[in-house]
Amino acid sequence: MSYEQAVSAMLALDGVVDSTMMKTPCLRYKGSFLAMMFDKEDALIIKVSPERVNELVSQGFGVEFNLTKKRFKEWVLIPLKYQDDYEAYISEALTHAQENMSK
């Protein structure tokens, strides 16, 4: 599923909205960043727990995000070759955001 298709599916969910970050379209849940395409790397960025970032990187599904030479511990790049799973990854970011809001 392409990023655009995944976005369309996610926007049908309560609380998920279009927004921007770094002048780029993104998805948010009640103000919390979920995901966006990072065209410079041809990859999806999602926000999940630091443990999940490490897991995705170690399994080879994700790449650390370090745009400013500083590692973003809760952001991971999911390369375009895994776009069939983009909706699942964005759903995972949504679950992470929802769990953080309930704390």
PDB file of N, CA and C in Angstrom:
ATOM      1  N   MET A   1       0.856  -1.171   0.000  1.00  0.00           N
ATOM      2  CA  MET A   1       0.000   0.000   0.000  1.00  0.00           C
ATOM      3  C   MET A   1       0.901   1.233   0.000  1.00  0.00           C
ATOM      4  N   SER A   2       0.654   2.151  -0.905  1.00  0.00           N
ATOM      5  CA  SER A   2       1.467   3.356  -0.990  1.00  0.00           C
ATOM      6  C   SER A   2       1.232   4.240   0.233  1.00  0.00           C
ATOM      7  N   TYR A   3       2.115   5.199   0.435  1.00  0.00           N
ATOM      8  CA  TYR A   3       1.954   6.148   1.538  1.00  0.00           C
ATOM      9  C   TYR A   3       0.624   6.876   1.418  1.00  0.00           C
ATOM     10  N   GLU A   4       0.282   7.314   0.217  1.00  0.00           N
ATOM     11  CA  GLU A   4      -0.968   8.049   0.005  1.00  0.00           C
ATOM     12  C   GLU A   4      -2.180   7.201   0.375  1.00  0.00           C
ATOM     13  N   GLN A   5      -2.163   5.930   0.010  1.00  0.00           N
ATOM     14  CA  GLN A   5      -3.262   5.035   0.364  1.00  0.00           C
ATOM     15  C   GLN A   5      -3.323   4.811   1.873  1.00  0.00           C
ATOM     16  N   ALA A   6      -2.162   4.660   2.494  1.00  0.00           N
ATOM     17  CA  ALA A   6      -2.118   4.472   3.946  1.00  0.00           C
ATOM     18  C   ALA A   6      -2.652   5.717   4.652  1.00  0.00           C
ATOM     19  N   VAL A   7      -2.289   6.896   4.162  1.00  0.00           N
ATOM     20  CA  VAL A   7      -2.781   8.153   4.747  1.00  0.00           C
ATOM     21  C   VAL A   7      -4.295   8.221   4.635  1.00  0.00           C
ATOM     22  N   SER A   8      -4.835   7.888   3.473  1.00  0.00           N
ATOM     23  CA  SER A   8      -6.288   7.913   3.289  1.00  0.00           C
ATOM     24  C   SER A   8      -6.984   6.995   4.285  1.00  0.00           C
ATOM     25  N   ALA A   9      -6.446   5.815   4.479  1.00  0.00           N
ATOM     26  CA  ALA A   9      -7.037   4.867   5.424  1.00  0.00           C
ATOM     27  C   ALA A   9      -6.946   5.397   6.855  1.00  0.00           C
ATOM     28  N   MET A  10      -5.825   5.976   7.212  1.00  0.00           N
ATOM     29  CA  MET A  10      -5.627   6.464   8.578  1.00  0.00           C
ATOM     30  C   MET A  10      -6.491   7.691   8.876  1.00  0.00           C
ATOM     31  N   LEU A  11      -6.707   8.538   7.868  1.00  0.00           N
ATOM     32  CA  LEU A  11      -7.521   9.743   8.083  1.00  0.00           C
ATOM     33  C   LEU A  11      -8.981   9.403   8.380  1.00  0.00           C
ATOM     34  N   ALA A  12      -9.382   8.188   8.092  1.00  0.00           N
ATOM     35  CA  ALA A  12     -10.748   7.756   8.406  1.00  0.00           C
ATOM     36  C   ALA A  12     -10.914   7.445   9.902  1.00  0.00           C
ATOM     37  N   LEU A  13      -9.797   7.387  10.617  1.00  0.00           N
ATOM     38  CA  LEU A  13      -9.838   7.057  12.045  1.00  0.00           C
ATOM     39  C   LEU A  13     -10.027   8.313  12.889  1.00  0.00           C
ATOM     40  N   ASP A  14     -10.783   8.186  13.949  1.00  0.00           N
ATOM     41  CA  ASP A  14     -11.077   9.302  14.840  1.00  0.00           C
ATOM     42  C   ASP A  14      -9.798   9.877  15.447  1.00  0.00           C
ATOM     43  N   GLY A  15      -9.633  11.181  15.325  1.00  0.00           N
ATOM     44  CA  GLY A  15      -8.499  11.875  15.927  1.00  0.00           C
ATOM     45  C   GLY A  15      -7.283  12.011  15.046  1.00  0.00           C
ATOM     46  N   VAL A  16      -7.229  11.312  13.925  1.00  0.00           N
ATOM     47  CA  VAL A  16      -6.088  11.392  13.012  1.00  0.00           C
ATOM     48  C   VAL A  16      -6.355  12.498  11.997  1.00  0.00           C
ATOM     49  N   VAL A  17      -5.380  13.415  11.862  1.00  0.00           N
ATOM     50  CA  VAL A  17      -5.559  14.564  10.964  1.00  0.00           C
ATOM     51  C   VAL A  17      -4.304  14.812  10.141  1.00  0.00           C
ATOM     52  N   ASP A  18      -4.514  15.500   9.014  1.00  0.00           N
ATOM     53  CA  ASP A  18      -3.405  16.026   8.215  1.00  0.00           C
ATOM     54  C   ASP A  18      -2.796  17.198   8.955  1.00  0.00           C
ATOM     55  N   SER A  19      -1.489  17.336   8.884  1.00  0.00           N
ATOM     56  CA  SER A  19      -0.802  18.469   9.487  1.00  0.00           C
ATOM     57  C   SER A  19       0.509  18.679   8.736  1.00  0.00           C
ATOM     58  N   THR A  20       1.410  19.433   9.324  1.00  0.00           N
ATOM     59  CA  THR A  20       2.740  19.604   8.742  1.00  0.00           C
ATOM     60  C   THR A  20       3.789  19.543   9.841  1.00  0.00           C
ATOM     61  N   MET A  21       4.988  19.158   9.430  1.00  0.00           N
ATOM     62  CA  MET A  21       6.164  19.193  10.296  1.00  0.00           C
ATOM     63  C   MET A  21       7.353  19.444   9.390  1.00  0.00           C
ATOM     64  N   MET A  22       8.195  20.377   9.750  1.00  0.00           N
ATOM     65  CA  MET A  22       9.352  20.739   8.924  1.00  0.00           C
ATOM     66  C   MET A  22       8.906  21.083   7.502  1.00  0.00           C
ATOM     67  N   LYS A  23       7.781  21.770   7.389  1.00  0.00           N
ATOM     68  CA  LYS A  23       7.199  22.197   6.106  1.00  0.00           C
ATOM     69  C   LYS A  23       6.811  21.020   5.201  1.00  0.00           C
ATOM     70  N   THR A  24       6.579  19.864   5.812  1.00  0.00           N
ATOM     71  CA  THR A  24       6.227  18.650   5.076  1.00  0.00           C
ATOM     72  C   THR A  24       4.902  18.116   5.614  1.00  0.00           C
ATOM     73  N   PRO A  25       4.014  17.649   4.727  1.00  0.00           N
ATOM     74  CA  PRO A  25       2.761  17.053   5.203  1.00  0.00           C
ATOM     75  C   PRO A  25       3.048  15.857   6.112  1.00  0.00           C
ATOM     76  N   CYS A  26       2.245  15.746   7.158  1.00  0.00           N
ATOM     77  CA  CYS A  26       2.394  14.621   8.077  1.00  0.00           C
ATOM     78  C   CYS A  26       1.034  14.253   8.654  1.00  0.00           C
ATOM     79  N   LEU A  27       1.007  13.197   9.418  1.00  0.00           N
ATOM     80  CA  LEU A  27      -0.188  12.781  10.154  1.00  0.00           C
ATOM     81  C   LEU A  27       0.048  13.013  11.640  1.00  0.00           C
ATOM     82  N   ARG A  28      -1.001  13.458  12.306  1.00  0.00           N
ATOM     83  CA  ARG A  28      -0.963  13.652  13.757  1.00  0.00           C
ATOM     84  C   ARG A  28      -2.209  13.031  14.375  1.00  0.00           C
ATOM     85  N   TYR A  29      -2.064  12.684  15.639  1.00  0.00           N
ATOM     86  CA  TYR A  29      -3.193  12.217  16.432  1.00  0.00           C
ATOM     87  C   TYR A  29      -3.294  13.135  17.641  1.00  0.00           C
ATOM     88  N   LYS A  30      -4.387  13.902  17.692  1.00  0.00           N
ATOM     89  CA  LYS A  30      -4.608  14.846  18.798  1.00  0.00           C
ATOM     90  C   LYS A  30      -3.353  15.668  19.073  1.00  0.00           C
ATOM     91  N   GLY A  31      -2.721  16.140  18.008  1.00  0.00           N
ATOM     92  CA  GLY A  31      -1.543  16.994  18.111  1.00  0.00           C
ATOM     93  C   GLY A  31      -0.213  16.269  18.133  1.00  0.00           C
ATOM     94  N   SER A  32      -0.219  14.984  18.382  1.00  0.00           N
ATOM     95  CA  SER A  32       1.017  14.214  18.473  1.00  0.00           C
ATOM     96  C   SER A  32       1.430  13.687  17.092  1.00  0.00           C
ATOM     97  N   PHE A  33       2.682  13.889  16.733  1.00  0.00           N
ATOM     98  CA  PHE A  33       3.208  13.429  15.447  1.00  0.00           C
ATOM     99  C   PHE A  33       3.140  11.911  15.345  1.00  0.00           C
ATOM    100  N   LEU A  34       2.660  11.437  14.183  1.00  0.00           N
ATOM    101  CA  LEU A  34       2.612  10.000  13.902  1.00  0.00           C
ATOM    102  C   LEU A  34       3.605   9.599  12.822  1.00  0.00           C
ATOM    103  N   ALA A  35       3.457  10.230  11.634  1.00  0.00           N
ATOM    104  CA  ALA A  35       4.213   9.752  10.477  1.00  0.00           C
ATOM    105  C   ALA A  35       4.260  10.795   9.373  1.00  0.00           C
ATOM    106  N   MET A  36       5.269  10.649   8.509  1.00  0.00           N
ATOM    107  CA  MET A  36       5.358  11.465   7.294  1.00  0.00           C
ATOM    108  C   MET A  36       6.354  10.808   6.341  1.00  0.00           C
ATOM    109  N   MET A  37       6.237  11.155   5.075  1.00  0.00           N
ATOM    110  CA  MET A  37       7.220  10.705   4.102  1.00  0.00           C
ATOM    111  C   MET A  37       8.408  11.653   4.171  1.00  0.00           C
ATOM    112  N   PHE A  38       9.592  11.099   4.152  1.00  0.00           N
ATOM    113  CA  PHE A  38      10.823  11.878   4.141  1.00  0.00           C
ATOM    114  C   PHE A  38      11.448  11.661   2.772  1.00  0.00           C
ATOM    115  N   ASP A  39      11.103  12.566   1.856  1.00  0.00           N
ATOM    116  CA  ASP A  39      11.503  12.402   0.455  1.00  0.00           C
ATOM    117  C   ASP A  39      13.013  12.323   0.264  1.00  0.00           C
ATOM    118  N   LYS A  40      13.768  13.021   1.106  1.00  0.00           N
ATOM    119  CA  LYS A  40      15.233  12.996   0.981  1.00  0.00           C
ATOM    120  C   LYS A  40      15.785  11.579   1.069  1.00  0.00           C
ATOM    121  N   GLU A  41      15.125  10.732   1.858  1.00  0.00           N
ATOM    122  CA  GLU A  41      15.566   9.348   2.032  1.00  0.00           C
ATOM    123  C   GLU A  41      14.638   8.337   1.362  1.00  0.00           C
ATOM    124  N   ASP A  42      13.575   8.812   0.712  1.00  0.00           N
ATOM    125  CA  ASP A  42      12.589   7.903   0.118  1.00  0.00           C
ATOM    126  C   ASP A  42      12.095   6.894   1.149  1.00  0.00           C
ATOM    127  N   ALA A  43      11.662   7.420   2.299  1.00  0.00           N
ATOM    128  CA  ALA A  43      11.261   6.538   3.391  1.00  0.00           C
ATOM    129  C   ALA A  43      10.170   7.200   4.229  1.00  0.00           C
ATOM    130  N   LEU A  44       9.412   6.363   4.891  1.00  0.00           N
ATOM    131  CA  LEU A  44       8.403   6.789   5.852  1.00  0.00           C
ATOM    132  C   LEU A  44       9.089   6.991   7.199  1.00  0.00           C
ATOM    133  N   ILE A  45       8.733   8.061   7.901  1.00  0.00           N
ATOM    134  CA  ILE A  45       9.182   8.243   9.280  1.00  0.00           C
ATOM    135  C   ILE A  45       7.981   7.963  10.178  1.00  0.00           C
ATOM    136  N   ILE A  46       8.194   7.146  11.186  1.00  0.00           N
ATOM    137  CA  ILE A  46       7.147   6.943  12.194  1.00  0.00           C
ATOM    138  C   ILE A  46       7.744   7.228  13.569  1.00  0.00           C
ATOM    139  N   LYS A  47       6.862   7.569  14.506  1.00  0.00           N
ATOM    140  CA  LYS A  47       7.281   7.790  15.889  1.00  0.00           C
ATOM    141  C   LYS A  47       6.737   6.640  16.736  1.00  0.00           C
ATOM    142  N   VAL A  48       7.663   5.877  17.305  1.00  0.00           N
ATOM    143  CA  VAL A  48       7.331   4.747  18.168  1.00  0.00           C
ATOM    144  C   VAL A  48       8.294   4.770  19.363  1.00  0.00           C
ATOM    145  N   SER A  49       8.189   3.816  20.244  1.00  0.00           N
ATOM    146  CA  SER A  49       9.069   3.787  21.420  1.00  0.00           C
ATOM    147  C   SER A  49      10.528   3.585  21.001  1.00  0.00           C
ATOM    148  N   PRO A  50      11.462   4.052  21.825  1.00  0.00           N
ATOM    149  CA  PRO A  50      12.880   3.822  21.513  1.00  0.00           C
ATOM    150  C   PRO A  50      13.213   2.333  21.373  1.00  0.00           C
ATOM    151  N   GLU A  51      12.559   1.505  22.171  1.00  0.00           N
ATOM    152  CA  GLU A  51      12.793   0.056  22.084  1.00  0.00           C
ATOM    153  C   GLU A  51      12.358  -0.485  20.725  1.00  0.00           C
ATOM    154  N   ARG A  52      11.220   0.008  20.240  1.00  0.00           N
ATOM    155  CA  ARG A  52      10.730  -0.442  18.936  1.00  0.00           C
ATOM    156  C   ARG A  52      11.625   0.069  17.815  1.00  0.00           C
ATOM    157  N   VAL A  53      12.122   1.297  17.945  1.00  0.00           N
ATOM    158  CA  VAL A  53      13.077   1.813  16.951  1.00  0.00           C
ATOM    159  C   VAL A  53      14.270   0.872  16.876  1.00  0.00           C
ATOM    160  N   ASN A  54      14.844   0.541  18.021  1.00  0.00           N
ATOM    161  CA  ASN A  54      16.010  -0.352  18.050  1.00  0.00           C
ATOM    162  C   ASN A  54      15.693  -1.709  17.435  1.00  0.00           C
ATOM    163  N   GLU A  55      14.506  -2.220  17.723  1.00  0.00           N
ATOM    164  CA  GLU A  55      14.088  -3.515  17.180  1.00  0.00           C
ATOM    165  C   GLU A  55      13.986  -3.460  15.649  1.00  0.00           C
ATOM    166  N   LEU A  56      13.327  -2.436  15.120  1.00  0.00           N
ATOM    167  CA  LEU A  56      13.172  -2.309  13.669  1.00  0.00           C
ATOM    168  C   LEU A  56      14.522  -2.153  12.975  1.00  0.00           C
ATOM    169  N   VAL A  57      15.418  -1.386  13.590  1.00  0.00           N
ATOM    170  CA  VAL A  57      16.751  -1.201  13.010  1.00  0.00           C
ATOM    171  C   VAL A  57      17.520  -2.521  13.038  1.00  0.00           C
ATOM    172  N   SER A  58      17.494  -3.212  14.173  1.00  0.00           N
ATOM    173  CA  SER A  58      18.256  -4.467  14.279  1.00  0.00           C
ATOM    174  C   SER A  58      17.706  -5.558  13.352  1.00  0.00           C
ATOM    175  N   GLN A  59      16.399  -5.516  13.077  1.00  0.00           N
ATOM    176  CA  GLN A  59      15.793  -6.496  12.174  1.00  0.00           C
ATOM    177  C   GLN A  59      15.975  -6.130  10.700  1.00  0.00           C
ATOM    178  N   GLY A  60      16.482  -4.939  10.437  1.00  0.00           N
ATOM    179  CA  GLY A  60      16.715  -4.521   9.062  1.00  0.00           C
ATOM    180  C   GLY A  60      15.524  -3.874   8.382  1.00  0.00           C
ATOM    181  N   PHE A  61      14.429  -3.660   9.107  1.00  0.00           N
ATOM    182  CA  PHE A  61      13.243  -3.017   8.531  1.00  0.00           C
ATOM    183  C   PHE A  61      13.303  -1.498   8.637  1.00  0.00           C
ATOM    184  N   GLY A  62      14.107  -1.008   9.560  1.00  0.00           N
ATOM    185  CA  GLY A  62      14.184   0.430   9.789  1.00  0.00           C
ATOM    186  C   GLY A  62      15.606   0.934   9.769  1.00  0.00           C
ATOM    187  N   VAL A  63      15.703   2.261   9.634  1.00  0.00           N
ATOM    188  CA  VAL A  63      16.989   2.948   9.627  1.00  0.00           C
ATOM    189  C   VAL A  63      16.885   4.090  10.627  1.00  0.00           C
ATOM    190  N   GLU A  64      17.932   4.285  11.429  1.00  0.00           N
ATOM    191  CA  GLU A  64      17.916   5.393  12.384  1.00  0.00           C
ATOM    192  C   GLU A  64      17.724   6.717  11.658  1.00  0.00           C
ATOM    193  N   PHE A  65      16.959   7.599  12.265  1.00  0.00           N
ATOM    194  CA  PHE A  65      16.757   8.939  11.718  1.00  0.00           C
ATOM    195  C   PHE A  65      17.675   9.887  12.463  1.00  0.00           C
ATOM    196  N   ASN A  66      18.602  10.502  11.725  1.00  0.00           N
ATOM    197  CA  ASN A  66      19.544  11.438  12.335  1.00  0.00           C
ATOM    198  C   ASN A  66      19.837  12.598  11.390  1.00  0.00           C
ATOM    199  N   LEU A  67      18.806  13.301  11.030  1.00  0.00           N
ATOM    200  CA  LEU A  67      18.897  14.417  10.088  1.00  0.00           C
ATOM    201  C   LEU A  67      19.926  15.449  10.517  1.00  0.00           C
ATOM    202  N   THR A  68      20.004  15.734  11.785  1.00  0.00           N
ATOM    203  CA  THR A  68      20.901  16.781  12.283  1.00  0.00           C
ATOM    204  C   THR A  68      22.142  16.186  12.937  1.00  0.00           C
ATOM    205  N   LYS A  69      22.515  14.998  12.552  1.00  0.00           N
ATOM    206  CA  LYS A  69      23.641  14.260  13.133  1.00  0.00           C
ATOM    207  C   LYS A  69      23.353  13.827  14.567  1.00  0.00           C
ATOM    208  N   LYS A  70      22.125  14.081  15.026  1.00  0.00           N
ATOM    209  CA  LYS A  70      21.683  13.653  16.342  1.00  0.00           C
ATOM    210  C   LYS A  70      20.600  12.601  16.128  1.00  0.00           C
ATOM    211  N   ARG A  71      20.749  11.480  16.780  1.00  0.00           N
ATOM    212  CA  ARG A  71      19.771  10.407  16.635  1.00  0.00           C
ATOM    213  C   ARG A  71      18.473  10.781  17.326  1.00  0.00           C
ATOM    214  N   PHE A  72      17.359  10.648  16.584  1.00  0.00           N
ATOM    215  CA  PHE A  72      16.031  10.843  17.150  1.00  0.00           C
ATOM    216  C   PHE A  72      15.608   9.487  17.706  1.00  0.00           C
ATOM    217  N   LYS A  73      15.590   9.341  19.024  1.00  0.00           N
ATOM    218  CA  LYS A  73      15.407   8.026  19.631  1.00  0.00           C
ATOM    219  C   LYS A  73      14.032   7.413  19.401  1.00  0.00           C
ATOM    220  N   GLU A  74      13.008   8.233  19.078  1.00  0.00           N
ATOM    221  CA  GLU A  74      11.661   7.692  18.859  1.00  0.00           C
ATOM    222  C   GLU A  74      11.231   7.755  17.396  1.00  0.00           C
ATOM    223  N   TRP A  75      12.123   8.130  16.504  1.00  0.00           N
ATOM    224  CA  TRP A  75      11.787   8.193  15.085  1.00  0.00           C
ATOM    225  C   TRP A  75      12.611   7.162  14.334  1.00  0.00           C
ATOM    226  N   VAL A  76      11.959   6.495  13.394  1.00  0.00           N
ATOM    227  CA  VAL A  76      12.655   5.515  12.570  1.00  0.00           C
ATOM    228  C   VAL A  76      12.179   5.665  11.129  1.00  0.00           C
ATOM    229  N   LEU A  77      13.111   5.503  10.214  1.00  0.00           N
ATOM    230  CA  LEU A  77      12.810   5.529   8.778  1.00  0.00           C
ATOM    231  C   LEU A  77      12.479   4.116   8.315  1.00  0.00           C
ATOM    232  N   ILE A  78      11.373   3.988   7.598  1.00  0.00           N
ATOM    233  CA  ILE A  78      10.989   2.709   7.001  1.00  0.00           C
ATOM    234  C   ILE A  78      11.147   2.886   5.485  1.00  0.00           C
ATOM    235  N   PRO A  79      12.148   2.233   4.885  1.00  0.00           N
ATOM    236  CA  PRO A  79      12.423   2.413   3.461  1.00  0.00           C
ATOM    237  C   PRO A  79      11.231   2.086   2.559  1.00  0.00           C
ATOM    238  N   LEU A  80      11.233   2.703   1.405  1.00  0.00           N
ATOM    239  CA  LEU A  80      10.169   2.560   0.421  1.00  0.00           C
ATOM    240  C   LEU A  80       9.937   1.101   0.025  1.00  0.00           C
ATOM    241  N   LYS A  81      10.960   0.271   0.105  1.00  0.00           N
ATOM    242  CA  LYS A  81      10.774  -1.138  -0.280  1.00  0.00           C
ATOM    243  C   LYS A  81       9.790  -1.868   0.633  1.00  0.00           C
ATOM    244  N   TYR A  82       9.471  -1.265   1.797  1.00  0.00           N
ATOM    245  CA  TYR A  82       8.488  -1.847   2.715  1.00  0.00           C
ATOM    246  C   TYR A  82       7.153  -1.111   2.680  1.00  0.00           C
ATOM    247  N   GLN A  83       6.892  -0.394   1.589  1.00  0.00           N
ATOM    248  CA  GLN A  83       5.672   0.410   1.513  1.00  0.00           C
ATOM    249  C   GLN A  83       4.388  -0.410   1.610  1.00  0.00           C
ATOM    250  N   ASP A  84       4.430  -1.685   1.278  1.00  0.00           N
ATOM    251  CA  ASP A  84       3.231  -2.519   1.421  1.00  0.00           C
ATOM    252  C   ASP A  84       2.773  -2.593   2.872  1.00  0.00           C
ATOM    253  N   ASP A  85       3.674  -2.312   3.796  1.00  0.00           N
ATOM    254  CA  ASP A  85       3.363  -2.371   5.224  1.00  0.00           C
ATOM    255  C   ASP A  85       3.205  -0.989   5.864  1.00  0.00           C
ATOM    256  N   TYR A  86       3.193   0.062   5.064  1.00  0.00           N
ATOM    257  CA  TYR A  86       3.125   1.416   5.621  1.00  0.00           C
ATOM    258  C   TYR A  86       1.894   1.642   6.494  1.00  0.00           C
ATOM    259  N   GLU A  87       0.752   1.121   6.106  1.00  0.00           N
ATOM    260  CA  GLU A  87      -0.435   1.316   6.936  1.00  0.00           C
ATOM    261  C   GLU A  87      -0.239   0.672   8.307  1.00  0.00           C
ATOM    262  N   ALA A  88       0.351  -0.503   8.343  1.00  0.00           N
ATOM    263  CA  ALA A  88       0.593  -1.188   9.618  1.00  0.00           C
ATOM    264  C   ALA A  88       1.582  -0.399  10.475  1.00  0.00           C
ATOM    265  N   TYR A  89       2.605   0.153   9.853  1.00  0.00           N
ATOM    266  CA  TYR A  89       3.582   0.944  10.615  1.00  0.00           C
ATOM    267  C   TYR A  89       2.945   2.227  11.158  1.00  0.00           C
ATOM    268  N   ILE A  90       2.113   2.881  10.357  1.00  0.00           N
ATOM    269  CA  ILE A  90       1.447   4.097  10.832  1.00  0.00           C
ATOM    270  C   ILE A  90       0.443   3.742  11.938  1.00  0.00           C
ATOM    271  N   SER A  91      -0.223   2.612  11.803  1.00  0.00           N
ATOM    272  CA  SER A  91      -1.134   2.146  12.865  1.00  0.00           C
ATOM    273  C   SER A  91      -0.366   1.907  14.161  1.00  0.00           C
ATOM    274  N   GLU A  92       0.825   1.379  14.043  1.00  0.00           N
ATOM    275  CA  GLU A  92       1.671   1.161  15.214  1.00  0.00           C
ATOM    276  C   GLU A  92       2.036   2.498  15.870  1.00  0.00           C
ATOM    277  N   ALA A  93       2.335   3.502  15.048  1.00  0.00           N
ATOM    278  CA  ALA A  93       2.635   4.843  15.578  1.00  0.00           C
ATOM    279  C   ALA A  93       1.401   5.426  16.268  1.00  0.00           C
ATOM    280  N   LEU A  94       0.227   5.184  15.706  1.00  0.00           N
ATOM    281  CA  LEU A  94      -1.015   5.653  16.325  1.00  0.00           C
ATOM    282  C   LEU A  94      -1.211   4.995  17.691  1.00  0.00           C
ATOM    283  N   THR A  95      -1.009   3.707  17.784  1.00  0.00           N
ATOM    284  CA  THR A  95      -1.132   3.005  19.058  1.00  0.00           C
ATOM    285  C   THR A  95      -0.154   3.578  20.082  1.00  0.00           C
ATOM    286  N   HIS A  96       1.060   3.851  19.649  1.00  0.00           N
ATOM    287  CA  HIS A  96       2.073   4.447  20.533  1.00  0.00           C
ATOM    288  C   HIS A  96       1.603   5.812  21.046  1.00  0.00           C
ATOM    289  N   ALA A  97       1.072   6.648  20.153  1.00  0.00           N
ATOM    290  CA  ALA A  97       0.579   7.968  20.550  1.00  0.00           C
ATOM    291  C   ALA A  97      -0.585   7.843  21.532  1.00  0.00           C
ATOM    292  N   GLN A  98      -1.496   6.943  21.255  1.00  0.00           N
ATOM    293  CA  GLN A  98      -2.652   6.742  22.140  1.00  0.00           C
ATOM    294  C   GLN A  98      -2.225   6.267  23.525  1.00  0.00           C
ATOM    295  N   GLU A  99      -1.268   5.362  23.564  1.00  0.00           N
ATOM    296  CA  GLU A  99      -0.773   4.867  24.852  1.00  0.00           C
ATOM    297  C   GLU A  99      -0.088   5.975  25.646  1.00  0.00           C
ATOM    298  N   ASN A 100       0.662   6.832  24.963  1.00  0.00           N
ATOM    299  CA  ASN A 100       1.352   7.935  25.649  1.00  0.00           C
ATOM    300  C   ASN A 100       0.363   8.945  26.203  1.00  0.00           C
ATOM    301  N   MET A 101      -0.758   9.122  25.535  1.00  0.00           N
ATOM    302  CA  MET A 101      -1.765  10.082  25.999  1.00  0.00           C
ATOM    303  C   MET A 101      -2.537   9.563  27.206  1.00  0.00           C
ATOM    304  N   SER A 102      -2.580   8.252  27.347  1.00  0.00           N
ATOM    305  CA  SER A 102      -3.334   7.694  28.464  1.00  0.00           C
ATOM    306  C   SER A 102      -2.490   7.582  29.729  1.00  0.00           C
ATOM    307  N   LYS A 103      -1.222   7.944  29.648  1.00  0.00           N
ATOM    308  CA  LYS A 103      -0.333   7.859  30.827  1.00  0.00           C
ATOM    309  C   LYS A 103      -0.513   9.067  31.727  1.00  0.00           C
TER     310      LYS A 103
END
